[in-house]
Every structure is written in C-alpha cells, then in structure tokens.
PDB file of N, CA and C in Angstrom:
ATOM      1  N   MET A   1     -33.257   9.566  -0.684  1.00  0.00           N
ATOM      2  CA  MET A   1     -32.326  10.404  -1.411  1.00  0.00           C
ATOM      3  C   MET A   1     -31.353  11.081  -0.464  1.00  0.00           C
ATOM      4  N   GLY A   2     -31.787  11.585   0.663  1.00  0.00           N
ATOM      5  CA  GLY A   2     -30.986  12.438   1.524  1.00  0.00           C
ATOM      6  C   GLY A   2     -29.642  11.887   1.955  1.00  0.00           C
ATOM      7  N   ILE A   3     -29.649  10.794   2.717  1.00  0.00           N
ATOM      8  CA  ILE A   3     -28.397  10.273   3.263  1.00  0.00           C
ATOM      9  C   ILE A   3     -27.509   9.715   2.161  1.00  0.00           C
ATOM     10  N   ASP A   4     -28.076   9.009   1.201  1.00  0.00           N
ATOM     11  CA  ASP A   4     -27.267   8.482   0.095  1.00  0.00           C
ATOM     12  C   ASP A   4     -26.613   9.608  -0.689  1.00  0.00           C
ATOM     13  N   LEU A   5     -27.357  10.678  -0.928  1.00  0.00           N
ATOM     14  CA  LEU A   5     -26.812  11.820  -1.657  1.00  0.00           C
ATOM     15  C   LEU A   5     -25.692  12.483  -0.865  1.00  0.00           C
ATOM     16  N   CYS A   6     -25.880  12.606   0.439  1.00  0.00           N
ATOM     17  CA  CYS A   6     -24.846  13.215   1.281  1.00  0.00           C
ATOM     18  C   CYS A   6     -23.590  12.349   1.320  1.00  0.00           C
ATOM     19  N   LYS A   7     -23.766  11.043   1.454  1.00  0.00           N
ATOM     20  CA  LYS A   7     -22.603  10.146   1.446  1.00  0.00           C
ATOM     21  C   LYS A   7     -21.862  10.249   0.118  1.00  0.00           C
ATOM     22  N   ARG A   8     -22.611  10.316  -0.966  1.00  0.00           N
ATOM     23  CA  ARG A   8     -21.995  10.453  -2.289  1.00  0.00           C
ATOM     24  C   ARG A   8     -21.239  11.772  -2.387  1.00  0.00           C
ATOM     25  N   ALA A   9     -21.850  12.835  -1.887  1.00  0.00           N
ATOM     26  CA  ALA A   9     -21.195  14.148  -1.942  1.00  0.00           C
ATOM     27  C   ALA A   9     -19.891  14.147  -1.162  1.00  0.00           C
ATOM     28  N   ILE A  10     -19.893  13.529   0.011  1.00  0.00           N
ATOM     29  CA  ILE A  10     -18.677  13.483   0.820  1.00  0.00           C
ATOM     30  C   ILE A  10     -17.603  12.677   0.108  1.00  0.00           C
ATOM     31  N   ALA A  11     -17.963  11.532  -0.437  1.00  0.00           N
ATOM     32  CA  ALA A  11     -16.977  10.688  -1.127  1.00  0.00           C
ATOM     33  C   ALA A  11     -16.400  11.398  -2.345  1.00  0.00           C
ATOM     34  N   VAL A  12     -17.269  11.998  -3.144  1.00  0.00           N
ATOM     35  CA  VAL A  12     -16.808  12.708  -4.339  1.00  0.00           C
ATOM     36  C   VAL A  12     -15.928  13.881  -3.942  1.00  0.00           C
ATOM     37  N   THR A  13     -16.351  14.607  -2.911  1.00  0.00           N
ATOM     38  CA  THR A  13     -15.608  15.790  -2.489  1.00  0.00           C
ATOM     39  C   THR A  13     -14.257  15.413  -1.907  1.00  0.00           C
ATOM     40  N   GLN A  14     -14.191  14.324  -1.155  1.00  0.00           N
ATOM     41  CA  GLN A  14     -12.906  13.880  -0.611  1.00  0.00           C
ATOM     42  C   GLN A  14     -11.929  13.583  -1.735  1.00  0.00           C
ATOM     43  N   ARG A  15     -12.402  12.910  -2.763  1.00  0.00           N
ATOM     44  CA  ARG A  15     -11.528  12.603  -3.899  1.00  0.00           C
ATOM     45  C   ARG A  15     -11.153  13.869  -4.659  1.00  0.00           C
ATOM     46  N   ARG A  16     -12.094  14.775  -4.798  1.00  0.00           N
ATOM     47  CA  ARG A  16     -11.866  15.962  -5.618  1.00  0.00           C
ATOM     48  C   ARG A  16     -10.927  16.959  -4.942  1.00  0.00           C
ATOM     49  N   TYR A  17     -11.086  17.164  -3.640  1.00  0.00           N
ATOM     50  CA  TYR A  17     -10.352  18.236  -2.977  1.00  0.00           C
ATOM     51  C   TYR A  17      -9.203  17.755  -2.092  1.00  0.00           C
ATOM     52  N   ASN A  18      -9.338  16.607  -1.460  1.00  0.00           N
ATOM     53  CA  ASN A  18      -8.285  16.027  -0.619  1.00  0.00           C
ATOM     54  C   ASN A  18      -7.674  17.056   0.328  1.00  0.00           C
ATOM     55  N   HIS A  19      -8.516  17.745   1.077  1.00  0.00           N
ATOM     56  CA  HIS A  19      -8.070  18.749   2.038  1.00  0.00           C
ATOM     57  C   HIS A  19      -8.407  18.295   3.452  1.00  0.00           C
ATOM     58  N   HIS A  20      -8.196  19.184   4.365  1.00  0.00           N
ATOM     59  CA  HIS A  20      -8.566  18.975   5.764  1.00  0.00           C
ATOM     60  C   HIS A  20     -10.046  18.588   5.832  1.00  0.00           C
ATOM     61  N   PRO A  21     -10.417  17.662   6.724  1.00  0.00           N
ATOM     62  CA  PRO A  21     -11.808  17.182   6.794  1.00  0.00           C
ATOM     63  C   PRO A  21     -12.858  18.287   6.902  1.00  0.00           C
ATOM     64  N   THR A  22     -12.559  19.365   7.619  1.00  0.00           N
ATOM     65  CA  THR A  22     -13.534  20.446   7.747  1.00  0.00           C
ATOM     66  C   THR A  22     -13.802  21.091   6.397  1.00  0.00           C
ATOM     67  N   ARG A  23     -12.753  21.261   5.614  1.00  0.00           N
ATOM     68  CA  ARG A  23     -12.931  21.850   4.283  1.00  0.00           C
ATOM     69  C   ARG A  23     -13.704  20.893   3.388  1.00  0.00           C
ATOM     70  N   VAL A  24     -13.437  19.604   3.514  1.00  0.00           N
ATOM     71  CA  VAL A  24     -14.176  18.611   2.730  1.00  0.00           C
ATOM     72  C   VAL A  24     -15.653  18.663   3.097  1.00  0.00           C
ATOM     73  N   TYR A  25     -15.949  18.732   4.396  1.00  0.00           N
ATOM     74  CA  TYR A  25     -17.327  18.808   4.874  1.00  0.00           C
ATOM     75  C   TYR A  25     -18.036  20.016   4.269  1.00  0.00           C
ATOM     76  N   THR A  26     -17.376  21.180   4.320  1.00  0.00           N
ATOM     77  CA  THR A  26     -17.974  22.410   3.801  1.00  0.00           C
ATOM     78  C   THR A  26     -18.225  22.305   2.308  1.00  0.00           C
ATOM     79  N   LYS A  27     -17.259  21.795   1.577  1.00  0.00           N
ATOM     80  CA  LYS A  27     -17.408  21.660   0.127  1.00  0.00           C
ATOM     81  C   LYS A  27     -18.478  20.622  -0.215  1.00  0.00           C
ATOM     82  N   ALA A  28     -18.547  19.549   0.560  1.00  0.00           N
ATOM     83  CA  ALA A  28     -19.582  18.535   0.331  1.00  0.00           C
ATOM     84  C   ALA A  28     -20.968  19.131   0.543  1.00  0.00           C
ATOM     85  N   LEU A  29     -21.102  19.938   1.586  1.00  0.00           N
ATOM     86  CA  LEU A  29     -22.384  20.578   1.849  1.00  0.00           C
ATOM     87  C   LEU A  29     -22.787  21.474   0.683  1.00  0.00           C
ATOM     88  N   ARG A  30     -21.836  22.235   0.162  1.00  0.00           N
ATOM     89  CA  ARG A  30     -22.124  23.093  -0.994  1.00  0.00           C
ATOM     90  C   ARG A  30     -22.508  22.260  -2.210  1.00  0.00           C
ATOM     91  N   ASP A  31     -21.799  21.158  -2.428  1.00  0.00           N
ATOM     92  CA  ASP A  31     -22.115  20.293  -3.570  1.00  0.00           C
ATOM     93  C   ASP A  31     -23.529  19.736  -3.464  1.00  0.00           C
ATOM     94  N   VAL A  32     -23.901  19.266  -2.276  1.00  0.00           N
ATOM     95  CA  VAL A  32     -25.239  18.699  -2.096  1.00  0.00           C
ATOM     96  C   VAL A  32     -26.296  19.778  -2.301  1.00  0.00           C
ATOM     97  N   GLU A  33     -26.059  20.969  -1.762  1.00  0.00           N
ATOM     98  CA  GLU A  33     -27.010  22.059  -1.971  1.00  0.00           C
ATOM     99  C   GLU A  33     -27.178  22.355  -3.463  1.00  0.00           C
ATOM    100  N   LYS A  34     -26.070  22.372  -4.186  1.00  0.00           N
ATOM    101  CA  LYS A  34     -26.116  22.626  -5.635  1.00  0.00           C
ATOM    102  C   LYS A  34     -26.925  21.535  -6.334  1.00  0.00           C
ATOM    103  N   TRP A  35     -26.661  20.278  -5.977  1.00  0.00           N
ATOM    104  CA  TRP A  35     -27.379  19.167  -6.607  1.00  0.00           C
ATOM    105  C   TRP A  35     -28.868  19.230  -6.298  1.00  0.00           C
ATOM    106  N   LEU A  36     -29.212  19.576  -5.057  1.00  0.00           N
ATOM    107  CA  LEU A  36     -30.627  19.673  -4.701  1.00  0.00           C
ATOM    108  C   LEU A  36     -31.309  20.799  -5.470  1.00  0.00           C
ATOM    109  N   ARG A  37     -30.615  21.920  -5.640  1.00  0.00           N
ATOM    110  CA  ARG A  37     -31.190  23.006  -6.440  1.00  0.00           C
ATOM    111  C   ARG A  37     -31.459  22.530  -7.863  1.00  0.00           C
ATOM    112  N   GLU A  38     -30.482  21.815  -8.419  1.00  0.00           N
ATOM    113  CA  GLU A  38     -30.635  21.310  -9.786  1.00  0.00           C
ATOM    114  C   GLU A  38     -31.803  20.332  -9.888  1.00  0.00           C
ATOM    115  N   LEU A  39     -32.042  19.576  -8.824  1.00  0.00           N
ATOM    116  CA  LEU A  39     -33.135  18.606  -8.819  1.00  0.00           C
ATOM    117  C   LEU A  39     -34.472  19.240  -8.434  1.00  0.00           C
ATOM    118  N   GLY A  40     -34.450  20.512  -8.001  1.00  0.00           N
ATOM    119  CA  GLY A  40     -35.672  21.189  -7.597  1.00  0.00           C
ATOM    120  C   GLY A  40     -36.139  20.811  -6.208  1.00  0.00           C
ATOM    121  N   SER A  41     -35.223  20.364  -5.354  1.00  0.00           N
ATOM    122  CA  SER A  41     -35.596  19.917  -4.011  1.00  0.00           C
ATOM    123  C   SER A  41     -34.883  20.728  -2.936  1.00  0.00           C
ATOM    124  N   ILE A  42     -34.728  22.024  -3.128  1.00  0.00           N
ATOM    125  CA  ILE A  42     -33.936  22.836  -2.213  1.00  0.00           C
ATOM    126  C   ILE A  42     -34.554  22.918  -0.815  1.00  0.00           C
ATOM    127  N   GLU A  43     -35.849  22.639  -0.669  1.00  0.00           N
ATOM    128  CA  GLU A  43     -36.446  22.668   0.665  1.00  0.00           C
ATOM    129  C   GLU A  43     -35.781  21.651   1.589  1.00  0.00           C
ATOM    130  N   ARG A  44     -35.160  20.625   1.027  1.00  0.00           N
ATOM    131  CA  ARG A  44     -34.458  19.620   1.828  1.00  0.00           C
ATOM    132  C   ARG A  44     -33.114  20.132   2.343  1.00  0.00           C
ATOM    133  N   ALA A  45     -32.632  21.240   1.809  1.00  0.00           N
ATOM    134  CA  ALA A  45     -31.310  21.743   2.175  1.00  0.00           C
ATOM    135  C   ALA A  45     -31.230  22.092   3.656  1.00  0.00           C
ATOM    136  N   ASP A  46     -32.350  22.423   4.288  1.00  0.00           N
ATOM    137  CA  ASP A  46     -32.331  22.745   5.709  1.00  0.00           C
ATOM    138  C   ASP A  46     -31.878  21.559   6.547  1.00  0.00           C
ATOM    139  N   ASP A  47     -32.098  20.354   6.066  1.00  0.00           N
ATOM    140  CA  ASP A  47     -31.724  19.150   6.800  1.00  0.00           C
ATOM    141  C   ASP A  47     -30.294  18.701   6.528  1.00  0.00           C
ATOM    142  N   LEU A  48     -29.624  19.306   5.552  1.00  0.00           N
ATOM    143  CA  LEU A  48     -28.321  18.790   5.123  1.00  0.00           C
ATOM    144  C   LEU A  48     -27.269  18.836   6.218  1.00  0.00           C
ATOM    145  N   LYS A  49     -27.205  19.930   6.943  1.00  0.00           N
ATOM    146  CA  LYS A  49     -26.173  20.035   7.975  1.00  0.00           C
ATOM    147  C   LYS A  49     -26.369  18.939   9.017  1.00  0.00           C
ATOM    148  N   ARG A  50     -27.604  18.737   9.446  1.00  0.00           N
ATOM    149  CA  ARG A  50     -27.892  17.701  10.440  1.00  0.00           C
ATOM    150  C   ARG A  50     -27.540  16.318   9.902  1.00  0.00           C
ATOM    151  N   ILE A  51     -27.905  16.042   8.652  1.00  0.00           N
ATOM    152  CA  ILE A  51     -27.620  14.738   8.055  1.00  0.00           C
ATOM    153  C   ILE A  51     -26.121  14.513   7.956  1.00  0.00           C
ATOM    154  N   LEU A  52     -25.392  15.529   7.488  1.00  0.00           N
ATOM    155  CA  LEU A  52     -23.943  15.386   7.356  1.00  0.00           C
ATOM    156  C   LEU A  52     -23.279  15.217   8.718  1.00  0.00           C
ATOM    157  N   GLU A  53     -23.791  15.909   9.739  1.00  0.00           N
ATOM    158  CA  GLU A  53     -23.238  15.742  11.083  1.00  0.00           C
ATOM    159  C   GLU A  53     -23.473  14.322  11.586  1.00  0.00           C
ATOM    160  N   GLU A  54     -24.657  13.756  11.303  1.00  0.00           N
ATOM    161  CA  GLU A  54     -24.931  12.379  11.706  1.00  0.00           C
ATOM    162  C   GLU A  54     -23.982  11.413  11.012  1.00  0.00           C
ATOM    163  N   ILE A  55     -23.745  11.625   9.717  1.00  0.00           N
ATOM    164  CA  ILE A  55     -22.818  10.769   8.987  1.00  0.00           C
ATOM    165  C   ILE A  55     -21.424  10.900   9.572  1.00  0.00           C
ATOM    166  N   ASP A  56     -21.023  12.139   9.877  1.00  0.00           N
ATOM    167  CA  ASP A  56     -19.698  12.389  10.438  1.00  0.00           C
ATOM    168  C   ASP A  56     -19.556  11.709  11.796  1.00  0.00           C
ATOM    169  N   ASP A  57     -20.593  11.794  12.632  1.00  0.00           N
ATOM    170  CA  ASP A  57     -20.556  11.187  13.963  1.00  0.00           C
ATOM    171  C   ASP A  57     -20.566   9.664  13.898  1.00  0.00           C
ATOM    172  N   ASN A  58     -21.296   9.108  12.939  1.00  0.00           N
ATOM    173  CA  ASN A  58     -21.465   7.659  12.860  1.00  0.00           C
ATOM    174  C   ASN A  58     -20.503   6.982  11.895  1.00  0.00           C
ATOM    175  N   GLY A  59     -19.700   7.764  11.208  1.00  0.00           N
ATOM    176  CA  GLY A  59     -18.756   7.185  10.243  1.00  0.00           C
ATOM    177  C   GLY A  59     -19.457   6.945   8.982  1.00  0.00           C
TER     178      GLY A  59
END
C-alpha cells in the first residue's frame, strides 16, 4: 500500500495543484496522511516522508 499510495498521491496532487514541486510534495504528503487516517492506518504516516523522499530521489 505505501509506495503505490504515495505515487498516486503525488500524481493526483500534481494534476490538482500544478504548483512548484515543493508545494506539490507538501500537499501530496497531506493527502496521503488524510487517506491513511480514513483507512485507519495512521501509524504508517511516520514513514511517509521517507517514502516520498525515496520516490523523489528515484523518480
């Protein structure tokens, strides 16, 4: 769930906001946190920044 959800959040957020990449990253992180809360998996939120940074570094 983690990496696929983060990739989805980034793609959706890029389309939705179309701003500077840093703003997209921040908004994507918020979106993923919101989705995890809705799914009842907020304990995974601690890993989100690291996962998103890995995606950002690796494309």
